[in-house]
């Protein structure tokens, strides 16, 4: 059984960030940009990579929503949106730079997915309750 530790959360967040940034990022080096360079012609390697990315996204998003539920995901996104709003109001972040804002939004998405992947372990550690999937036999 997986025990809670902070490194487990960090690894899950890092993998989630990697998934987000490999799929798209403003630097121009992402799956999206790789696919767009020859679109509508798609090579087999691009199709395989795309199918693997879709599978990873389905796994991460479904796991996050199963662990946190729509309300929990909404609250976490709302918290991060409020932090960004506060940073903008303090002048620490500017909405005039779309690339910088894209990095911020993508980072928030990756962190939300990472926390969602870790949420069952975090909740178990805090409350002592174990989360299990229901299996009908």
Protein backbone atom coordinates (compact mmCIF):
# COMPACT_ATOMS: atom_id res chain seq x y z
CA UNK A 1 0.00 0.00 0.00
CA UNK A 2 1.27 3.45 -0.93
CA UNK A 3 2.18 5.58 2.08
CA UNK A 4 1.84 9.34 2.03
CA UNK A 5 4.98 11.42 1.82
CA UNK A 6 5.72 14.81 0.37
CA UNK A 7 8.01 13.38 -2.33
CA UNK A 8 5.11 11.31 -3.66
CA UNK A 9 3.08 14.50 -4.06
CA UNK A 10 6.03 16.31 -5.66
CA UNK A 11 6.55 13.49 -8.18
CA UNK A 12 2.85 13.45 -9.08
CA UNK A 13 2.86 17.21 -9.58
CA UNK A 14 6.02 16.99 -11.71
CA UNK A 15 4.52 14.26 -13.90
CA UNK A 16 1.33 16.30 -14.27
CA UNK A 17 3.30 19.40 -15.23
CA UNK A 18 5.27 17.35 -17.74
CA UNK A 19 2.04 16.08 -19.30
CA UNK A 20 0.66 19.61 -19.59
CA UNK A 21 3.85 21.18 -20.98
CA UNK A 22 4.57 18.32 -23.40
CA UNK A 23 1.05 18.71 -24.78
CA UNK A 24 1.25 22.50 -25.17
CA UNK A 25 3.45 25.36 -24.05
CA UNK A 26 4.07 28.86 -25.39
CA UNK A 27 7.73 28.20 -26.22
CA UNK A 28 6.78 26.47 -29.48
CA UNK A 29 8.23 23.07 -28.53
CA UNK A 30 5.25 20.88 -27.71
CA UNK A 31 3.15 18.14 -29.24
CA UNK A 32 0.67 20.78 -30.42
CA UNK A 33 3.38 22.63 -32.35
CA UNK A 34 4.90 19.40 -33.67
CA UNK A 35 1.49 18.33 -34.97
CA UNK A 36 0.68 21.76 -36.41
CA UNK A 37 3.89 22.02 -38.47
CA UNK A 38 2.62 19.54 -41.07
CA UNK A 39 -1.13 19.52 -40.43
CA UNK A 40 -3.36 18.15 -41.97
CA UNK A 41 -0.79 15.50 -42.90
CA UNK A 42 -0.18 13.30 -39.86
CA UNK A 43 2.70 10.85 -39.65
CA UNK A 44 2.44 7.56 -37.70
CA UNK A 45 4.80 8.76 -34.94
CA UNK A 46 2.61 11.81 -34.37
CA UNK A 47 -0.51 9.64 -34.24
CA UNK A 48 1.08 7.27 -31.71
CA UNK A 49 2.27 10.19 -29.55
CA UNK A 50 -1.18 11.79 -29.75
CA UNK A 51 -2.95 8.59 -28.70
CA UNK A 52 -0.54 8.17 -25.78
CA UNK A 53 -1.12 11.79 -24.71
CA UNK A 54 -4.91 11.42 -24.91
CA UNK A 55 -4.67 8.26 -22.80
CA UNK A 56 -2.51 10.02 -20.21
CA UNK A 57 -4.90 12.99 -20.12
CA UNK A 58 -7.88 10.70 -19.63
CA UNK A 59 -6.11 8.90 -16.79
CA UNK A 60 -4.99 12.08 -15.02
CA UNK A 61 -8.28 13.98 -15.41
CA UNK A 62 -10.44 11.01 -14.46
CA UNK A 63 -8.26 10.20 -11.45
CA UNK A 64 -8.38 13.84 -10.33
CA UNK A 65 -12.17 14.07 -10.60
CA UNK A 66 -12.63 10.67 -8.92
CA UNK A 67 -10.44 11.73 -6.00
CA UNK A 68 -11.59 15.33 -5.54
CA UNK A 69 -14.96 15.49 -7.25
CA UNK A 70 -16.12 18.45 -9.33
CA UNK A 71 -16.59 20.62 -6.24
CA UNK A 72 -13.06 19.94 -4.97
CA UNK A 73 -11.54 20.59 -8.39
CA UNK A 74 -13.59 23.78 -8.68
CA UNK A 75 -12.47 24.97 -5.25
CA UNK A 76 -8.80 24.31 -6.03
CA UNK A 77 -9.04 26.08 -9.40
CA UNK A 78 -10.88 28.95 -7.69
CA UNK A 79 -8.12 29.19 -5.07
CA UNK A 80 -5.40 29.38 -7.71
CA UNK A 81 -7.42 31.85 -9.80
CA UNK A 82 -7.81 34.05 -6.73
CA UNK A 83 -4.06 33.88 -6.08
CA UNK A 84 -3.37 34.93 -9.68
CA UNK A 85 -5.92 37.74 -9.36
CA UNK A 86 -4.22 38.90 -6.15
CA UNK A 87 -0.79 38.77 -7.82
CA UNK A 88 -2.13 40.87 -10.71
CA UNK A 89 -3.68 43.38 -8.29
CA UNK A 90 -0.32 43.67 -6.48
CA UNK A 91 1.45 44.34 -9.78
CA UNK A 92 3.55 41.18 -9.54
CA UNK A 93 1.96 39.67 -12.65
CA UNK A 94 0.77 41.43 -15.78
CA UNK A 95 -2.03 40.35 -18.10
CA UNK A 96 -0.32 42.29 -20.93
CA UNK A 97 1.98 39.36 -21.68
CA UNK A 98 -0.12 36.48 -23.11
CA UNK A 99 2.80 34.02 -23.11
CA UNK A 100 3.50 34.61 -19.42
CA UNK A 101 -0.19 34.22 -18.58
CA UNK A 102 -0.29 30.98 -20.61
CA UNK A 103 2.63 29.64 -18.54
CA UNK A 104 0.77 30.57 -15.35
CA UNK A 105 -2.50 28.94 -16.45
CA UNK A 106 -0.72 25.79 -17.67
CA UNK A 107 1.22 25.56 -14.41
CA UNK A 108 -2.01 25.84 -12.43
CA UNK A 109 -3.55 23.09 -14.56
CA UNK A 110 -0.54 20.83 -13.91
CA UNK A 111 -0.57 21.52 -10.17
CA UNK A 112 -4.32 20.85 -9.95
CA UNK A 113 -3.86 17.53 -11.75
CA UNK A 114 -0.90 16.66 -9.51
CA UNK A 115 -2.83 17.40 -6.33
CA UNK A 116 -5.78 15.47 -7.72
CA UNK A 117 -3.54 12.47 -8.31
CA UNK A 118 -2.34 12.77 -4.69
CA UNK A 119 -5.62 13.71 -3.03
CA UNK A 120 -6.65 10.25 -1.82
CA UNK A 121 -3.32 9.87 0.00
CA UNK A 122 -3.52 13.39 1.43
CA UNK A 123 -7.10 12.83 2.63
CA UNK A 124 -6.15 9.47 4.16
CA UNK A 125 -3.25 11.07 6.02
CA UNK A 126 -5.39 13.93 7.36
CA UNK A 127 -8.60 12.04 8.18
CA UNK A 128 -7.41 8.47 8.63
CA UNK A 129 -10.03 7.29 6.13
CA UNK A 130 -9.01 5.07 3.26
CA UNK A 131 -10.49 5.64 -0.18
CA UNK A 132 -11.41 2.59 -2.25
CA UNK A 133 -13.20 2.10 -5.53
CA UNK A 134 -16.41 0.17 -5.34
CA UNK A 135 -16.17 -3.19 -7.08
CA UNK A 136 -19.37 -5.06 -7.78
CA UNK A 137 -19.04 -8.83 -8.06
